[in-house]
């Protein structure tokens, strides 16, 4: 698998110079095998990803799969600007924990009048909506196993496996729910890469409890407990500039040495 970060920011884009070292786009990740492309979420980072896919594949038939964690705006903002959506040759499959009709209604909603001038139905690509509960994910040689996360209105994490390599993605997750904390640890066990929501510092979390996000300190505890190979802190708070993220990285590495902070444009080969 090849992993690439197209958007690493949470809540809202931060297009200001002080934040661009790590990136200002909201969440979007690409996981690629030799057979095809899987995309996690469609934040503003999806715009650049879509342009690159269009340049690579052109207008012939291309099949793309989106794994949606949930539907807060920072995970959807880039979808209307995702170039393959407007290519008649594109077959785009959206997977989530919601029933297909509900999933379509949600994605329709953000492009409905008066929020956007082009409706989702008008976009000429073929679009399919799939419920993970009914249809397991196995595409392009990658198996993706969904699991529930503690987040307002719910969210889904994913453990992706291919040829012995494992990526666990756990964004938009708040620690403190005993049952879901245990579930996360089960799906993170022995992962080569754990991508973990670390929006807050432990000090910030005191006043942000219940907002649906975790801390770098919880992230390193999970990484250590689950014997993961590499921890990547993700879903950066819009208040955190490059200097702040570098401080967080130094602190986190004192507890779990093989820690990194997700950076836009960064690629990892597994």
Protein backbone atom coordinates (compact mmCIF):
# COMPACT_ATOMS: atom_id res chain seq x y z
CA UNK A 1 0.00 0.00 0.00
CA UNK A 2 0.98 3.60 -0.61
CA UNK A 3 -0.42 6.24 1.75
CA UNK A 4 -0.55 9.94 0.90
CA UNK A 5 -1.89 12.87 2.92
CA UNK A 6 -3.84 15.45 0.90
CA UNK A 7 -5.46 17.20 3.86
CA UNK A 8 -4.48 16.96 7.54
CA UNK A 9 -6.34 19.80 9.22
CA UNK A 10 -9.50 19.47 11.32
CA UNK A 11 -12.56 21.71 11.67
CA UNK A 12 -11.79 24.34 9.02
CA UNK A 13 -9.09 25.09 6.42
CA UNK A 14 -6.20 27.31 7.55
CA UNK A 15 -4.72 28.99 4.44
CA UNK A 16 -2.29 31.21 6.34
CA UNK A 17 1.53 31.20 6.08
CA UNK A 18 2.07 30.17 9.70
CA UNK A 19 0.20 26.90 9.12
CA UNK A 20 1.33 25.82 5.67
CA UNK A 21 4.43 23.91 6.70
CA UNK A 22 2.16 21.07 7.80
CA UNK A 23 -0.76 22.03 5.57
CA UNK A 24 -3.98 23.99 5.64
CA UNK A 25 -6.44 21.65 3.88
CA UNK A 26 -9.01 19.59 5.76
CA UNK A 27 -8.93 15.84 5.89
CA UNK A 28 -8.38 13.68 2.84
CA UNK A 29 -6.11 10.64 2.50
CA UNK A 30 -5.23 8.44 -0.45
CA UNK A 31 -4.48 4.75 -0.04
CA UNK A 32 -3.27 3.13 -3.23
CA UNK A 33 -2.43 -0.39 -4.29
CA UNK A 34 -1.12 -1.56 -7.63
CA UNK A 35 -4.74 -2.04 -8.73
CA UNK A 36 -6.44 1.21 -7.75
CA UNK A 37 -7.16 4.18 -5.49
CA UNK A 38 -9.08 4.37 -2.20
CA UNK A 39 -9.84 7.75 -0.62
CA UNK A 40 -10.62 8.45 3.01
CA UNK A 41 -12.91 11.47 3.37
CA UNK A 42 -13.40 14.43 1.08
CA UNK A 43 -12.19 17.51 2.92
CA UNK A 44 -10.66 20.39 0.98
CA UNK A 45 -7.60 18.25 0.26
CA UNK A 46 -9.79 16.26 -2.15
CA UNK A 47 -9.62 19.10 -4.67
CA UNK A 48 -5.90 18.66 -5.37
CA UNK A 49 -6.21 14.88 -5.22
CA UNK A 50 -8.96 14.98 -7.82
CA UNK A 51 -6.89 17.16 -10.15
CA UNK A 52 -3.96 14.73 -9.91
CA UNK A 53 -6.19 11.71 -10.55
CA UNK A 54 -7.70 13.45 -13.56
CA UNK A 55 -4.24 14.25 -14.92
CA UNK A 56 -3.09 10.68 -14.37
CA UNK A 57 -6.09 8.82 -15.74
CA UNK A 58 -7.66 11.43 -18.04
CA UNK A 59 -11.23 10.74 -19.08
CA UNK A 60 -11.18 6.95 -19.67
CA UNK A 61 -13.02 4.76 -17.19
CA UNK A 62 -11.63 4.96 -13.66
CA UNK A 63 -13.05 3.39 -10.51
CA UNK A 64 -12.55 5.20 -7.18
CA UNK A 65 -13.74 4.24 -3.71
CA UNK A 66 -14.41 6.73 -0.91
CA UNK A 67 -14.40 5.48 2.69
CA UNK A 68 -16.33 8.09 4.65
CA UNK A 69 -15.63 8.42 8.37
CA UNK A 70 -18.59 10.77 8.98
CA UNK A 71 -20.23 13.83 7.51
CA UNK A 72 -19.13 16.95 9.35
CA UNK A 73 -18.21 19.72 6.93
CA UNK A 74 -14.45 19.42 7.26
CA UNK A 75 -14.76 15.91 5.81
CA UNK A 76 -17.01 16.91 2.90
CA UNK A 77 -15.94 20.39 1.79
CA UNK A 78 -13.80 19.21 -1.11
CA UNK A 79 -16.28 16.84 -2.74
CA UNK A 80 -17.98 19.45 -4.98
CA UNK A 81 -14.51 20.34 -6.36
CA UNK A 82 -13.35 16.74 -6.92
CA UNK A 83 -12.62 16.67 -10.67
CA UNK A 84 -13.48 12.99 -11.37
CA UNK A 85 -16.99 13.69 -10.11
CA UNK A 86 -17.56 15.54 -13.40
CA UNK A 87 -16.03 12.91 -15.69
CA UNK A 88 -18.56 10.61 -17.42
CA UNK A 89 -15.98 7.82 -17.31
CA UNK A 90 -15.62 7.87 -13.53
CA UNK A 91 -17.26 5.23 -11.36
CA UNK A 92 -17.23 6.60 -7.83
CA UNK A 93 -18.33 4.37 -4.97
CA UNK A 94 -19.09 5.89 -1.56
CA UNK A 95 -18.90 3.57 1.46
CA UNK A 96 -20.11 4.42 4.96
CA UNK A 97 -21.90 3.01 7.98
CA UNK A 98 -25.17 4.67 6.82
CA UNK A 99 -27.83 3.01 4.62
CA UNK A 100 -27.35 3.83 0.93
CA UNK A 101 -30.40 6.09 0.62
CA UNK A 102 -29.38 8.06 3.70
CA UNK A 103 -25.79 8.33 2.48
CA UNK A 104 -26.93 9.69 -0.88
CA UNK A 105 -29.26 12.17 0.82
CA UNK A 106 -26.41 13.45 3.00
CA UNK A 107 -24.05 13.98 0.07
CA UNK A 108 -26.85 15.50 -2.01
CA UNK A 109 -27.55 17.96 0.77
CA UNK A 110 -24.31 19.93 0.71
CA UNK A 111 -24.61 20.44 -3.06
CA UNK A 112 -28.32 21.32 -3.00
CA UNK A 113 -29.74 24.74 -3.82
CA UNK A 114 -28.81 27.28 -2.42
CA UNK A 115 -25.53 25.86 -1.07
CA UNK A 116 -23.95 24.95 -4.41
CA UNK A 117 -24.84 25.71 -8.03
CA UNK A 118 -24.38 22.13 -9.31
CA UNK A 119 -26.30 19.20 -7.83
CA UNK A 120 -24.68 15.84 -7.15
CA UNK A 121 -27.11 14.18 -9.58
CA UNK A 122 -26.10 16.60 -12.34
CA UNK A 123 -22.44 15.56 -12.11
CA UNK A 124 -22.07 13.01 -14.94
CA UNK A 125 -19.97 10.38 -13.15
CA UNK A 126 -21.55 7.11 -12.11
CA UNK A 127 -22.15 7.17 -8.34
CA UNK A 128 -22.87 4.20 -6.10
CA UNK A 129 -23.67 4.25 -2.37
CA UNK A 130 -22.78 1.28 -0.18
CA UNK A 131 -23.49 0.35 3.44
CA UNK A 132 -20.55 -1.39 5.12
CA UNK A 133 -22.96 -3.31 7.31
CA UNK A 134 -24.30 -5.17 4.28
CA UNK A 135 -21.33 -5.24 1.92
CA UNK A 136 -17.78 -5.91 3.25
CA UNK A 137 -15.04 -3.87 1.60
CA UNK A 138 -12.51 -5.76 -0.50
CA UNK A 139 -11.26 -3.82 -3.51
CA UNK A 140 -7.92 -3.42 -5.27
CA UNK A 141 -6.40 -6.06 -3.02
CA UNK A 142 -7.22 -4.07 0.14
CA UNK A 143 -9.57 -5.27 2.88
CA UNK A 144 -11.04 -2.46 4.99
CA UNK A 145 -12.67 -3.30 8.32
CA UNK A 146 -14.83 -0.52 9.83
CA UNK A 147 -15.24 0.10 13.55
CA UNK A 148 -17.23 2.70 15.55
CA UNK A 149 -15.60 5.77 17.09
CA UNK A 150 -16.72 7.99 19.96
CA UNK A 151 -17.65 11.26 18.24
CA UNK A 152 -20.73 13.52 18.21
CA UNK A 153 -23.26 12.01 15.76
CA UNK A 154 -20.94 9.03 15.32
CA UNK A 155 -17.89 8.29 13.19
CA UNK A 156 -16.17 5.26 11.69
CA UNK A 157 -12.56 4.16 11.86
CA UNK A 158 -10.93 1.75 9.41
CA UNK A 159 -8.34 -0.97 9.62
CA UNK A 160 -6.96 -1.51 6.10
CA UNK A 161 -4.98 -4.63 5.29
CA UNK A 162 -3.09 -5.66 2.16
CA UNK A 163 -0.38 -8.28 1.75
CA UNK A 164 0.48 -8.26 5.43
CA UNK A 165 0.61 -4.46 5.81
CA UNK A 166 -1.87 -2.71 8.10
CA UNK A 167 -3.02 0.92 8.35
CA UNK A 168 -5.47 1.88 11.12
CA UNK A 169 -7.23 5.20 10.66
CA UNK A 170 -8.91 6.63 13.77
CA UNK A 171 -9.76 10.26 13.16
CA UNK A 172 -12.52 12.19 14.93
CA UNK A 173 -12.31 10.10 18.04
CA UNK A 174 -12.56 11.08 21.70
CA UNK A 175 -11.16 8.83 24.38
CA UNK A 176 -13.12 8.13 27.55
CA UNK A 177 -15.78 5.68 26.36
CA UNK A 178 -14.60 2.39 27.81
CA UNK A 179 -16.29 0.18 25.21
CA UNK A 180 -15.16 2.19 22.18
CA UNK A 181 -11.66 2.71 23.61
CA UNK A 182 -11.35 -1.07 23.81
CA UNK A 183 -12.66 -1.46 20.26
CA UNK A 184 -10.12 1.02 18.92
CA UNK A 185 -7.29 -0.85 20.59
CA UNK A 186 -8.46 -4.11 19.05
CA UNK A 187 -8.40 -2.62 15.55
CA UNK A 188 -5.09 -0.83 16.13
CA UNK A 189 -3.28 -3.91 17.42
CA UNK A 190 0.08 -4.44 15.67
CA UNK A 191 -0.74 -1.94 12.91
CA UNK A 192 2.22 -0.80 10.84
CA UNK A 193 0.76 2.72 10.82
CA UNK A 194 -1.76 4.21 13.26
CA UNK A 195 -3.30 7.53 12.20
CA UNK A 196 -4.84 9.03 15.33
CA UNK A 197 -6.90 12.12 16.10
CA UNK A 198 -4.69 14.38 18.22
CA UNK A 199 -6.46 17.70 17.77
CA UNK A 200 -5.86 18.91 21.32
CA UNK A 201 -2.99 19.11 23.73
CA UNK A 202 -3.73 17.59 27.15
CA UNK A 203 -4.03 21.12 28.55
CA UNK A 204 -6.51 22.20 25.85
CA UNK A 205 -8.59 19.07 26.31
CA UNK A 206 -9.62 20.14 29.81
CA UNK A 207 -11.92 22.79 28.32
CA UNK A 208 -12.75 20.83 25.13
CA UNK A 209 -13.99 17.62 26.71
CA UNK A 210 -17.04 16.29 24.90
CA UNK A 211 -16.11 17.95 21.60
CA UNK A 212 -15.20 14.63 20.00
CA UNK A 213 -11.40 14.77 19.73
CA UNK A 214 -8.40 13.37 21.53
CA UNK A 215 -4.85 14.37 22.46
CA UNK A 216 -1.30 13.48 21.50
CA UNK A 217 -0.85 11.95 24.97
CA UNK A 218 -3.73 9.54 24.46
CA UNK A 219 -2.36 8.77 20.99
CA UNK A 220 1.05 7.70 22.29
CA UNK A 221 -0.59 5.58 24.99
CA UNK A 222 -2.65 3.72 22.38
CA UNK A 223 0.38 3.29 20.10
CA UNK A 224 2.46 1.85 22.93
CA UNK A 225 -0.33 -0.42 24.25
CA UNK A 226 -1.11 -1.78 20.77
CA UNK A 227 2.50 -2.24 19.68
CA UNK A 228 2.06 -0.24 16.48
CA UNK A 229 5.02 0.37 14.22
CA UNK A 230 4.47 4.06 13.57
CA UNK A 231 2.13 6.68 15.04
CA UNK A 232 0.92 9.64 12.98
CA UNK A 233 -0.83 12.49 14.78
CA UNK A 234 -3.69 13.81 12.65
CA UNK A 235 -6.67 16.22 12.42
CA UNK A 236 -4.69 19.27 13.52
CA UNK A 237 -6.52 22.01 15.36
CA UNK A 238 -6.91 25.21 13.28
CA UNK A 239 -5.26 27.15 16.13
CA UNK A 240 -2.10 25.05 15.90
CA UNK A 241 0.52 26.68 13.69
CA UNK A 242 3.71 24.99 12.49
CA UNK A 243 5.62 25.98 15.61
CA UNK A 244 2.96 24.48 17.87
CA UNK A 245 2.88 21.22 15.91
CA UNK A 246 6.66 20.94 16.15
CA UNK A 247 6.43 21.33 19.93
CA UNK A 248 3.73 18.64 20.06
CA UNK A 249 5.92 16.34 17.97
CA UNK A 250 8.89 16.76 20.30
CA UNK A 251 6.75 16.06 23.37
CA UNK A 252 5.06 13.03 21.82
CA UNK A 253 8.39 11.48 20.81
CA UNK A 254 9.49 11.50 24.44
CA UNK A 255 6.72 8.93 25.07
CA UNK A 256 6.68 7.03 21.75
CA UNK A 257 9.76 7.58 19.65
CA UNK A 258 8.35 6.53 16.29
CA UNK A 259 5.81 9.35 16.17
CA UNK A 260 5.23 11.83 13.35
CA UNK A 261 2.83 14.69 12.71
CA UNK A 262 0.82 14.33 9.50
CA UNK A 263 1.99 16.73 6.82
CA UNK A 264 0.15 17.60 3.60
CA UNK A 265 1.78 15.99 0.58
CA UNK A 266 3.59 13.39 2.68
CA UNK A 267 3.81 9.85 1.25
CA UNK A 268 4.47 6.57 3.03
CA UNK A 269 5.16 3.23 1.37
CA UNK A 270 4.26 0.05 3.24
